[in-house]
Each structure stands twice: as structure tokens, then as C-alpha cells.
PDB file of N, CA and C in Angstrom:
ATOM      1  N   MET A   1      65.606  78.720 -47.857  1.00  0.00           N
ATOM      2  CA  MET A   1      64.420  79.209 -47.326  1.00  0.00           C
ATOM      3  C   MET A   1      64.156  77.808 -46.533  1.00  0.00           C
ATOM      4  N   ASN A   2      63.620  77.723 -45.207  1.00  0.00           N
ATOM      5  CA  ASN A   2      63.271  76.622 -44.340  1.00  0.00           C
ATOM      6  C   ASN A   2      62.055  75.684 -45.022  1.00  0.00           C
ATOM      7  N   PRO A   3      61.860  74.372 -44.944  1.00  0.00           N
ATOM      8  CA  PRO A   3      60.528  73.745 -45.197  1.00  0.00           C
ATOM      9  C   PRO A   3      59.478  74.302 -45.015  1.00  0.00           C
ATOM     10  N   ASP A   4      59.482  74.469 -43.441  1.00  0.00           N
ATOM     11  CA  ASP A   4      58.617  74.938 -42.407  1.00  0.00           C
ATOM     12  C   ASP A   4      57.743  76.506 -42.894  1.00  0.00           C
ATOM     13  N   HIS A   5      58.945  77.075 -43.427  1.00  0.00           N
ATOM     14  CA  HIS A   5      58.247  78.572 -44.403  1.00  0.00           C
ATOM     15  C   HIS A   5      57.310  78.246 -46.125  1.00  0.00           C
ATOM     16  N   LEU A   6      57.759  77.201 -46.223  1.00  0.00           N
ATOM     17  CA  LEU A   6      57.366  77.356 -47.408  1.00  0.00           C
ATOM     18  C   LEU A   6      55.759  76.740 -47.048  1.00  0.00           C
ATOM     19  N   ILE A   7      55.808  75.625 -46.512  1.00  0.00           N
ATOM     20  CA  ILE A   7      54.687  75.666 -45.636  1.00  0.00           C
ATOM     21  C   ILE A   7      53.740  76.415 -45.435  1.00  0.00           C
ATOM     22  N   MET A   8      54.133  77.425 -44.903  1.00  0.00           N
ATOM     23  CA  MET A   8      53.602  78.170 -43.953  1.00  0.00           C
ATOM     24  C   MET A   8      53.112  78.981 -45.391  1.00  0.00           C
ATOM     25  N   ALA A   9      53.800  79.477 -45.811  1.00  0.00           N
ATOM     26  CA  ALA A   9      53.830  80.586 -46.988  1.00  0.00           C
ATOM     27  C   ALA A   9      52.758  79.918 -48.286  1.00  0.00           C
ATOM     28  N   ALA A  10      52.753  79.012 -48.366  1.00  0.00           N
ATOM     29  CA  ALA A  10      52.242  77.854 -49.261  1.00  0.00           C
ATOM     30  C   ALA A  10      50.674  77.822 -48.630  1.00  0.00           C
ATOM     31  N   LEU A  11      50.218  78.126 -47.170  1.00  0.00           N
ATOM     32  CA  LEU A  11      49.078  77.829 -46.584  1.00  0.00           C
ATOM     33  C   LEU A  11      48.238  79.536 -46.435  1.00  0.00           C
ATOM     34  N   PHE A  12      48.952  80.329 -46.239  1.00  0.00           N
ATOM     35  CA  PHE A  12      49.044  81.826 -46.570  1.00  0.00           C
ATOM     36  C   PHE A  12      48.239  82.283 -47.608  1.00  0.00           C
ATOM     37  N   ALA A  13      48.683  81.876 -48.752  1.00  0.00           N
ATOM     38  CA  ALA A  13      48.455  81.768 -50.303  1.00  0.00           C
ATOM     39  C   ALA A  13      47.162  81.317 -50.885  1.00  0.00           C
ATOM     40  N   LEU A  14      46.787  79.741 -50.310  1.00  0.00           N
ATOM     41  CA  LEU A  14      45.718  78.998 -50.149  1.00  0.00           C
ATOM     42  C   LEU A  14      44.813  80.027 -49.170  1.00  0.00           C
ATOM     43  N   LEU A  15      45.012  80.609 -48.703  1.00  0.00           N
ATOM     44  CA  LEU A  15      44.006  81.473 -47.683  1.00  0.00           C
ATOM     45  C   LEU A  15      43.626  82.650 -48.737  1.00  0.00           C
ATOM     46  N   LEU A  16      44.633  83.163 -48.919  1.00  0.00           N
ATOM     47  CA  LEU A  16      44.645  84.289 -50.276  1.00  0.00           C
ATOM     48  C   LEU A  16      43.443  83.669 -51.189  1.00  0.00           C
ATOM     49  N   ILE A  17      43.976  82.802 -52.165  1.00  0.00           N
ATOM     50  CA  ILE A  17      43.231  82.623 -52.795  1.00  0.00           C
ATOM     51  C   ILE A  17      41.832  82.399 -52.634  1.00  0.00           C
ATOM     52  N   TYR A  18      41.164  81.393 -51.698  1.00  0.00           N
ATOM     53  CA  TYR A  18      40.339  80.569 -51.831  1.00  0.00           C
ATOM     54  C   TYR A  18      39.382  81.682 -50.866  1.00  0.00           C
ATOM     55  N   GLY A  19      39.933  82.257 -49.397  1.00  0.00           N
ATOM     56  CA  GLY A  19      39.282  82.656 -48.623  1.00  0.00           C
ATOM     57  C   GLY A  19      39.278  81.568 -47.373  1.00  0.00           C
ATOM     58  N   PRO A  20      38.368  82.248 -46.175  1.00  0.00           N
ATOM     59  CA  PRO A  20      38.544  81.054 -44.932  1.00  0.00           C
ATOM     60  C   PRO A  20      37.137  80.457 -45.276  1.00  0.00           C
ATOM     61  N   ASN A  21      36.360  80.802 -46.146  1.00  0.00           N
ATOM     62  CA  ASN A  21      35.037  79.673 -46.014  1.00  0.00           C
ATOM     63  C   ASN A  21      35.381  78.568 -47.247  1.00  0.00           C
ATOM     64  N   LYS A  22      36.067  78.748 -48.241  1.00  0.00           N
ATOM     65  CA  LYS A  22      36.496  77.543 -48.844  1.00  0.00           C
ATOM     66  C   LYS A  22      37.473  76.630 -48.243  1.00  0.00           C
ATOM     67  N   LEU A  23      38.470  76.927 -47.200  1.00  0.00           N
ATOM     68  CA  LEU A  23      39.505  76.094 -46.900  1.00  0.00           C
ATOM     69  C   LEU A  23      38.885  74.776 -45.928  1.00  0.00           C
ATOM     70  N   PRO A  24      38.219  74.803 -45.493  1.00  0.00           N
ATOM     71  CA  PRO A  24      37.644  73.414 -44.869  1.00  0.00           C
ATOM     72  C   PRO A  24      37.131  72.198 -45.790  1.00  0.00           C
ATOM     73  N   GLN A  25      36.698  72.932 -46.577  1.00  0.00           N
ATOM     74  CA  GLN A  25      36.239  72.394 -47.776  1.00  0.00           C
ATOM     75  C   GLN A  25      37.239  71.067 -48.824  1.00  0.00           C
ATOM     76  N   LEU A  26      38.159  72.489 -48.998  1.00  0.00           N
ATOM     77  CA  LEU A  26      39.568  72.114 -49.210  1.00  0.00           C
ATOM     78  C   LEU A  26      40.052  70.910 -48.751  1.00  0.00           C
ATOM     79  N   GLY A  27      40.285  71.054 -47.258  1.00  0.00           N
ATOM     80  CA  GLY A  27      41.017  70.380 -46.082  1.00  0.00           C
ATOM     81  C   GLY A  27      40.449  68.952 -46.671  1.00  0.00           C
ATOM     82  N   ASN A  28      39.066  69.161 -46.728  1.00  0.00           N
ATOM     83  CA  ASN A  28      37.933  67.374 -46.384  1.00  0.00           C
ATOM     84  C   ASN A  28      38.439  67.143 -47.987  1.00  0.00           C
ATOM     85  N   ALA A  29      38.959  67.337 -48.922  1.00  0.00           N
ATOM     86  CA  ALA A  29      38.593  67.444 -50.145  1.00  0.00           C
ATOM     87  C   ALA A  29      40.240  66.081 -50.150  1.00  0.00           C
ATOM     88  N   LEU A  30      41.144  66.947 -49.728  1.00  0.00           N
ATOM     89  CA  LEU A  30      42.538  66.756 -49.713  1.00  0.00           C
ATOM     90  C   LEU A  30      42.551  65.391 -48.841  1.00  0.00           C
ATOM     91  N   GLY A  31      41.850  65.288 -47.373  1.00  0.00           N
ATOM     92  CA  GLY A  31      42.009  64.386 -46.819  1.00  0.00           C
ATOM     93  C   GLY A  31      41.697  62.665 -47.466  1.00  0.00           C
ATOM     94  N   LYS A  32      40.092  63.025 -47.827  1.00  0.00           N
ATOM     95  CA  LYS A  32      39.601  62.037 -48.749  1.00  0.00           C
ATOM     96  C   LYS A  32      40.229  61.535 -49.505  1.00  0.00           C
ATOM     97  N   THR A  33      40.826  62.369 -50.564  1.00  0.00           N
ATOM     98  CA  THR A  33      41.924  61.536 -51.682  1.00  0.00           C
ATOM     99  C   THR A  33      43.413  60.649 -50.917  1.00  0.00           C
ATOM    100  N   VAL A  34      43.845  61.798 -49.750  1.00  0.00           N
ATOM    101  CA  VAL A  34      44.741  60.840 -49.012  1.00  0.00           C
ATOM    102  C   VAL A  34      44.247  59.970 -48.058  1.00  0.00           C
ATOM    103  N   LYS A  35      43.379  59.193 -47.969  1.00  0.00           N
ATOM    104  CA  LYS A  35      42.506  58.178 -47.621  1.00  0.00           C
ATOM    105  C   LYS A  35      42.534  57.418 -48.945  1.00  0.00           C
ATOM    106  N   ASN A  36      42.007  57.526 -49.897  1.00  0.00           N
ATOM    107  CA  ASN A  36      41.901  56.830 -50.862  1.00  0.00           C
ATOM    108  C   ASN A  36      42.445  55.982 -51.505  1.00  0.00           C
ATOM    109  N   VAL A  37      43.914  57.065 -51.400  1.00  0.00           N
ATOM    110  CA  VAL A  37      45.021  56.426 -51.872  1.00  0.00           C
ATOM    111  C   VAL A  37      45.784  55.298 -50.973  1.00  0.00           C
ATOM    112  N   ARG A  38      45.607  55.194 -49.740  1.00  0.00           N
ATOM    113  CA  ARG A  38      46.317  54.610 -49.243  1.00  0.00           C
ATOM    114  C   ARG A  38      45.410  53.582 -48.559  1.00  0.00           C
ATOM    115  N   ASP A  39      43.884  53.313 -49.445  1.00  0.00           N
ATOM    116  CA  ASP A  39      43.458  52.184 -49.498  1.00  0.00           C
ATOM    117  C   ASP A  39      43.747  51.784 -50.512  1.00  0.00           C
ATOM    118  N   GLY A  40      43.909  52.310 -51.402  1.00  0.00           N
ATOM    119  CA  GLY A  40      44.180  51.737 -52.803  1.00  0.00           C
ATOM    120  C   GLY A  40      45.891  51.102 -52.894  1.00  0.00           C
ATOM    121  N   MET A  41      46.716  51.564 -51.755  1.00  0.00           N
ATOM    122  CA  MET A  41      48.081  50.866 -52.218  1.00  0.00           C
ATOM    123  C   MET A  41      47.718  49.648 -50.929  1.00  0.00           C
ATOM    124  N   ASP A  42      46.955  49.655 -50.014  1.00  0.00           N
ATOM    125  CA  ASP A  42      46.861  48.507 -48.981  1.00  0.00           C
ATOM    126  C   ASP A  42      46.105  47.287 -49.915  1.00  0.00           C
ATOM    127  N   GLY A  43      45.555  47.897 -51.059  1.00  0.00           N
ATOM    128  CA  GLY A  43      44.352  46.884 -51.627  1.00  0.00           C
ATOM    129  C   GLY A  43      45.455  45.882 -52.454  1.00  0.00           C
ATOM    130  N   VAL A  44      46.614  46.955 -52.724  1.00  0.00           N
ATOM    131  CA  VAL A  44      47.604  46.135 -53.940  1.00  0.00           C
ATOM    132  C   VAL A  44      47.878  44.803 -53.400  1.00  0.00           C
ATOM    133  N   GLY A  45      48.836  45.217 -52.657  1.00  0.00           N
ATOM    134  CA  GLY A  45      49.686  43.823 -51.853  1.00  0.00           C
ATOM    135  C   GLY A  45      47.741  42.677 -51.396  1.00  0.00           C
ATOM    136  N   ASP A  46      46.990  43.102 -50.810  1.00  0.00           N
ATOM    137  CA  ASP A  46      46.130  42.128 -50.982  1.00  0.00           C
ATOM    138  C   ASP A  46      45.577  41.808 -52.649  1.00  0.00           C
ATOM    139  N   ASP A  47      45.505  42.440 -53.488  1.00  0.00           N
ATOM    140  CA  ASP A  47      45.573  41.641 -54.829  1.00  0.00           C
ATOM    141  C   ASP A  47      46.622  40.621 -55.265  1.00  0.00           C
ATOM    142  N   GLU A  48      47.748  41.050 -54.927  1.00  0.00           N
ATOM    143  CA  GLU A  48      48.775  39.974 -55.801  1.00  0.00           C
ATOM    144  C   GLU A  48      49.093  38.889 -54.563  1.00  0.00           C
ATOM    145  N   THR A  49      48.519  38.697 -53.102  1.00  0.00           N
ATOM    146  CA  THR A  49      48.522  38.061 -52.621  1.00  0.00           C
ATOM    147  C   THR A  49      47.155  36.855 -52.740  1.00  0.00           C
ATOM    148  N   ALA A  50      46.310  37.691 -53.046  1.00  0.00           N
ATOM    149  CA  ALA A  50      45.584  36.574 -53.586  1.00  0.00           C
ATOM    150  C   ALA A  50      45.995  35.516 -55.454  1.00  0.00           C
ATOM    151  N   ILE A  51      46.564  36.401 -55.885  1.00  0.00           N
ATOM    152  CA  ILE A  51      47.026  35.940 -57.050  1.00  0.00           C
ATOM    153  C   ILE A  51      47.722  34.707 -57.121  1.00  0.00           C
ATOM    154  N   VAL A  52      48.818  35.058 -55.808  1.00  0.00           N
ATOM    155  CA  VAL A  52      49.596  34.187 -55.496  1.00  0.00           C
ATOM    156  C   VAL A  52      48.891  32.642 -54.832  1.00  0.00           C
ATOM    157  N   HIS A  53      48.183  32.847 -54.104  1.00  0.00           N
ATOM    158  CA  HIS A  53      47.654  32.030 -53.374  1.00  0.00           C
ATOM    159  C   HIS A  53      46.742  31.039 -54.367  1.00  0.00           C
ATOM    160  N   ASP A  54      46.179  31.890 -55.559  1.00  0.00           N
ATOM    161  CA  ASP A  54      45.172  31.314 -56.557  1.00  0.00           C
ATOM    162  C   ASP A  54      45.956  30.452 -57.418  1.00  0.00           C
ATOM    163  N   SER A  55      47.096  31.216 -57.548  1.00  0.00           N
ATOM    164  CA  SER A  55      48.153  30.293 -58.481  1.00  0.00           C
ATOM    165  C   SER A  55      48.943  28.733 -57.677  1.00  0.00           C
ATOM    166  N   ALA A  56      48.854  28.901 -56.663  1.00  0.00           N
ATOM    167  CA  ALA A  56      49.506  28.057 -55.834  1.00  0.00           C
ATOM    168  C   ALA A  56      48.245  26.332 -55.793  1.00  0.00           C
ATOM    169  N   ALA A  57      47.274  27.261 -55.995  1.00  0.00           N
ATOM    170  CA  ALA A  57      45.920  26.187 -55.685  1.00  0.00           C
ATOM    171  C   ALA A  57      45.518  25.415 -56.917  1.00  0.00           C
ATOM    172  N   ASP A  58      46.128  26.321 -58.351  1.00  0.00           N
ATOM    173  CA  ASP A  58      45.890  25.945 -59.477  1.00  0.00           C
ATOM    174  C   ASP A  58      46.983  24.641 -59.668  1.00  0.00           C
ATOM    175  N   ALA A  59      48.194  24.922 -59.066  1.00  0.00           N
ATOM    176  CA  ALA A  59      49.511  23.903 -59.078  1.00  0.00           C
ATOM    177  C   ALA A  59      49.277  22.607 -58.462  1.00  0.00           C
ATOM    178  N   ASP A  60      48.356  22.518 -57.403  1.00  0.00           N
ATOM    179  CA  ASP A  60      47.991  21.671 -56.357  1.00  0.00           C
ATOM    180  C   ASP A  60      46.804  21.095 -57.332  1.00  0.00           C
ATOM    181  N   ARG A  61      45.970  21.167 -57.860  1.00  0.00           N
ATOM    182  CA  ARG A  61      44.868  20.887 -58.551  1.00  0.00           C
ATOM    183  C   ARG A  61      45.742  19.797 -59.709  1.00  0.00           C
ATOM    184  N   GLN A  62      46.630  20.323 -60.457  1.00  0.00           N
ATOM    185  CA  GLN A  62      47.049  19.628 -61.565  1.00  0.00           C
ATOM    186  C   GLN A  62      47.798  18.619 -61.181  1.00  0.00           C
TER     187      GLN A  62
END
């Protein structure tokens, strides 16, 4: 089965299970989840960079 067919089948199943009124709410929740994950992944690199800079500053002070 083609991946496109699987996506269409999944969307059709969601439509049957939740109905047309709930799909926008599900899409909104999924979009917020993806955004939070991306923001969280972006923040991980920033924290590591801050730790490296703090360690370098501590080494300079000693």
C-alpha cells in the first residue's frame, strides 16, 4: 500500500470516529503539540550553549 493511501485511510478513519465537528479541535491540539515539541527542541541547544559559556567563564575566574 502506498503511504499516501495510508494517510488518506487514517484521515477517513478519524472522520468516522470523531465526526466533522471534532476534527478542527483535534487538528488544533495536534498543531499545538508539534509547536511545543519544536520549541522544546530549540530550547535544548540553548541550554547546552549556556552551560558551556558558564563553564568557560568559571574557568577564566579561577
